[in-house]
Amino acid sequence: MHFTLTNIAFLTVASLGTTLVIQYFLGRITDKVNRPPLIFANRVLLSAIPLLYAFSSSFNEFIILEVYSGILGSIQNVVMNSYLLDVIPHERKAEYLSIINGFNGVIYLTGALIGGYLLELMIAHFPLYLALVYSYLIVFSGRFASSFMFVHLKEPEQKGRSPLSLYSMLYRPKQPGNPSGGTLRFR
């Protein structure tokens, strides 16, 4: 694309500016709406970003892509964090959030490493443009498929006490005498 540093700065401002504006307005309404369908739709729409990168060819198209990315990023930030804060136990919020952020970091790192190695492998067999397009198509497929993990999320009935269905296996509090992490039910 041969973008200059100024072009990159404009793209960054478009994305971050959109994120700030949308987050402000979305923060006012997010606790009043049913969040799981919004989370699922957001994940599906986020999967389109690699396709847009694969087929964008002008600065104006990239501006539109960054605005789109900013809108979806703000939905991700506000709605997902609001949902998480409502479904994890109040007295263990810091512990759960640190585990979630650590898990997300490992997944992002793993995805970036695999994507980099995959692109390197494709560059050995295809011209750079085709290698990038094929890589973006693979990323799209993975993101789209993984978005369906969010389809069965439920809005918590009692905020802060319901288990988080998607992460329940990872984030159950482990208690002495209960090494599997299963939830103890007192009778």
Protein backbone atom coordinates (compact mmCIF):
# COMPACT_ATOMS: atom_id res chain seq x y z
CA MET A 1 0.00 0.00 0.00
CA HIS A 2 2.97 2.31 0.60
CA PHE A 3 1.18 4.27 3.31
CA THR A 4 3.12 7.09 4.91
CA LEU A 5 3.42 7.62 8.63
CA THR A 6 0.74 10.32 8.32
CA ASN A 7 -1.62 7.83 6.64
CA ILE A 8 -1.06 5.35 9.45
CA ALA A 9 -1.74 8.11 12.00
CA PHE A 10 -5.06 8.95 10.30
CA LEU A 11 -6.05 5.27 10.30
CA THR A 12 -5.22 5.01 14.00
CA VAL A 13 -7.19 8.17 14.83
CA ALA A 14 -10.17 6.87 12.83
CA SER A 15 -10.21 3.60 14.76
CA LEU A 16 -9.54 4.98 18.24
CA GLY A 17 -11.80 8.00 17.78
CA THR A 18 -14.68 5.79 16.70
CA THR A 19 -14.02 3.47 19.64
CA LEU A 20 -14.11 6.33 22.15
CA VAL A 21 -17.34 7.83 20.81
CA ILE A 22 -19.20 4.52 20.52
CA GLN A 23 -18.01 3.31 23.96
CA TYR A 24 -19.36 6.48 25.56
CA PHE A 25 -22.86 5.96 24.17
CA LEU A 26 -22.85 2.18 24.50
CA GLY A 27 -21.81 2.40 28.15
CA ARG A 28 -25.06 4.22 28.93
CA ILE A 29 -27.30 1.44 27.58
CA THR A 30 -25.36 -1.81 27.91
CA ASP A 31 -26.86 -2.90 31.24
CA LYS A 32 -30.39 -2.33 29.91
CA VAL A 33 -30.16 -4.69 26.91
CA ASN A 34 -29.88 -8.45 26.50
CA ARG A 35 -26.11 -8.77 26.02
CA PRO A 36 -25.54 -12.38 24.84
CA PRO A 37 -27.06 -11.87 21.36
CA LEU A 38 -25.02 -8.68 21.04
CA ILE A 39 -21.86 -10.54 22.08
CA PHE A 40 -22.51 -13.29 19.52
CA ALA A 41 -23.32 -10.85 16.70
CA ASN A 42 -20.22 -8.83 17.55
CA ARG A 43 -18.02 -11.94 17.37
CA VAL A 44 -19.47 -12.87 13.96
CA LEU A 45 -18.98 -9.32 12.66
CA LEU A 46 -15.41 -9.23 14.03
CA SER A 47 -14.60 -12.27 11.91
CA ALA A 48 -15.14 -10.15 8.78
CA ILE A 49 -12.21 -7.85 9.57
CA PRO A 50 -9.57 -10.17 8.03
CA LEU A 51 -11.67 -10.40 4.84
CA LEU A 52 -11.86 -6.63 4.66
CA TYR A 53 -8.08 -6.40 5.10
CA ALA A 54 -7.60 -9.00 2.37
CA PHE A 55 -9.61 -7.10 -0.22
CA SER A 56 -9.11 -3.43 0.69
CA SER A 57 -6.90 -1.62 -1.77
CA SER A 58 -7.17 2.12 -1.13
CA PHE A 59 -6.69 4.52 1.74
CA ASN A 60 -10.41 5.37 1.83
CA GLU A 61 -11.32 1.68 2.10
CA PHE A 62 -8.89 1.33 4.99
CA ILE A 63 -10.48 4.34 6.74
CA ILE A 64 -13.88 2.62 6.46
CA LEU A 65 -12.30 -0.60 7.75
CA GLU A 66 -10.80 1.19 10.76
CA VAL A 67 -14.14 2.84 11.60
CA TYR A 68 -15.84 -0.57 11.34
CA SER A 69 -13.12 -2.06 13.53
CA GLY A 70 -13.51 0.77 16.05
CA ILE A 71 -17.26 0.21 16.32
CA LEU A 72 -16.87 -3.53 16.86
CA GLY A 73 -13.96 -3.04 19.26
CA SER A 74 -16.02 -0.70 21.40
CA ILE A 75 -18.89 -3.20 21.51
CA GLN A 76 -16.42 -5.89 22.51
CA ASN A 77 -14.90 -3.74 25.26
CA VAL A 78 -18.11 -2.47 26.82
CA VAL A 79 -20.54 -5.34 26.40
CA MET A 80 -18.17 -8.22 27.14
CA ASN A 81 -16.67 -6.53 30.20
CA SER A 82 -20.12 -5.60 31.50
CA TYR A 83 -21.28 -9.18 31.04
CA LEU A 84 -18.21 -10.59 32.76
CA LEU A 85 -18.56 -8.25 35.71
CA ASP A 86 -22.16 -9.39 36.16
CA VAL A 87 -21.55 -13.14 35.98
CA ILE A 88 -18.47 -13.55 38.15
CA PRO A 89 -18.78 -13.60 41.94
CA HIS A 90 -18.30 -10.17 43.48
CA GLU A 91 -15.78 -11.31 46.08
CA ARG A 92 -13.52 -12.91 43.42
CA LYS A 93 -13.68 -10.35 40.59
CA ALA A 94 -9.95 -9.55 40.60
CA GLU A 95 -8.96 -13.21 40.51
CA TYR A 96 -11.37 -14.10 37.71
CA LEU A 97 -10.53 -11.05 35.61
CA SER A 98 -6.79 -11.71 35.91
CA ILE A 99 -7.32 -15.31 34.79
CA ILE A 100 -9.49 -14.20 31.87
CA ASN A 101 -6.97 -11.56 30.76
CA GLY A 102 -4.09 -14.02 31.09
CA PHE A 103 -5.98 -16.63 29.08
CA ASN A 104 -6.83 -14.05 26.39
CA GLY A 105 -3.18 -12.98 26.22
CA VAL A 106 -2.02 -16.56 25.70
CA ILE A 107 -4.63 -17.08 22.97
CA TYR A 108 -3.67 -13.82 21.19
CA LEU A 109 0.02 -14.74 21.36
CA THR A 110 -0.61 -18.25 20.07
CA GLY A 111 -2.79 -16.98 17.23
CA ALA A 112 -0.20 -14.39 16.19
CA LEU A 113 2.61 -16.96 16.24
CA ILE A 114 0.65 -19.52 14.25
CA GLY A 115 -0.46 -16.83 11.78
CA GLY A 116 3.11 -15.61 11.33
CA TYR A 117 4.44 -19.10 10.70
CA LEU A 118 1.55 -19.84 8.36
CA LEU A 119 2.19 -16.67 6.37
CA GLU A 120 5.90 -17.51 6.17
CA LEU A 121 5.01 -20.96 4.84
CA MET A 122 2.59 -19.51 2.28
CA ILE A 123 5.09 -16.91 1.08
CA ALA A 124 7.39 -19.80 0.15
CA HIS A 125 4.69 -21.17 -2.18
CA PHE A 126 2.69 -18.15 -3.38
CA PRO A 127 3.30 -14.51 -4.33
CA LEU A 128 3.04 -12.14 -1.34
CA TYR A 129 -0.42 -10.81 -2.23
CA LEU A 130 -1.94 -14.29 -2.59
CA ALA A 131 -0.18 -15.51 0.55
CA LEU A 132 -1.73 -12.61 2.49
CA VAL A 133 -5.20 -13.24 1.03
CA TYR A 134 -5.02 -16.96 1.85
CA SER A 135 -3.79 -16.19 5.36
CA TYR A 136 -6.62 -13.71 5.92
CA LEU A 137 -9.14 -16.30 4.67
CA ILE A 138 -7.82 -18.83 7.18
CA VAL A 139 -8.03 -16.26 9.99
CA PHE A 140 -11.58 -15.40 8.92
CA SER A 141 -12.57 -19.08 9.00
CA GLY A 142 -11.12 -19.56 12.48
CA ARG A 143 -12.72 -16.42 13.87
CA PHE A 144 -16.08 -17.20 12.30
CA ALA A 145 -16.09 -20.78 13.61
CA SER A 146 -14.98 -19.71 17.10
CA SER A 147 -17.71 -17.08 17.29
CA PHE A 148 -20.25 -19.90 17.64
CA MET A 149 -18.82 -20.69 21.08
CA PHE A 150 -20.73 -17.59 22.21
CA VAL A 151 -24.14 -18.53 20.80
CA HIS A 152 -25.45 -20.19 23.98
CA LEU A 153 -24.48 -17.51 26.50
CA LYS A 154 -27.31 -16.61 28.84
CA GLU A 155 -28.03 -13.30 30.50
CA PRO A 156 -27.52 -13.76 34.25
CA GLU A 157 -30.72 -13.75 36.26
CA GLN A 158 -29.06 -12.77 39.51
CA LYS A 159 -26.15 -10.48 38.65
CA GLY A 160 -22.78 -11.52 40.01
CA ARG A 161 -23.85 -15.01 41.05
CA SER A 162 -24.59 -17.06 37.94
CA PRO A 163 -21.79 -19.21 36.51
CA LEU A 164 -20.22 -18.06 33.26
CA SER A 165 -21.14 -20.89 30.90
CA LEU A 166 -18.41 -20.33 28.31
CA TYR A 167 -15.58 -20.17 30.81
CA SER A 168 -17.05 -22.38 33.52
CA MET A 169 -14.47 -25.13 33.15
CA LEU A 170 -11.58 -22.68 33.47
CA TYR A 171 -12.80 -20.39 36.20
CA ARG A 172 -14.53 -22.52 38.81
CA PRO A 173 -13.07 -21.71 42.20
CA LYS A 174 -10.92 -24.58 43.40
CA GLN A 175 -11.49 -25.45 47.02
CA PRO A 176 -9.67 -27.86 49.33
CA GLY A 177 -10.99 -31.38 48.89
CA ASN A 178 -12.34 -30.42 45.48
CA PRO A 179 -9.36 -30.67 43.08
CA SER A 180 -11.44 -30.83 39.90
CA GLY A 181 -12.65 -27.30 40.44
CA GLY A 182 -16.28 -28.44 40.57
CA THR A 183 -18.68 -26.16 42.36
CA LEU A 184 -19.65 -27.32 45.83
CA ARG A 185 -23.36 -27.36 46.51
CA PHE A 186 -24.28 -27.17 50.16
CA ARG A 187 -27.46 -28.92 51.29
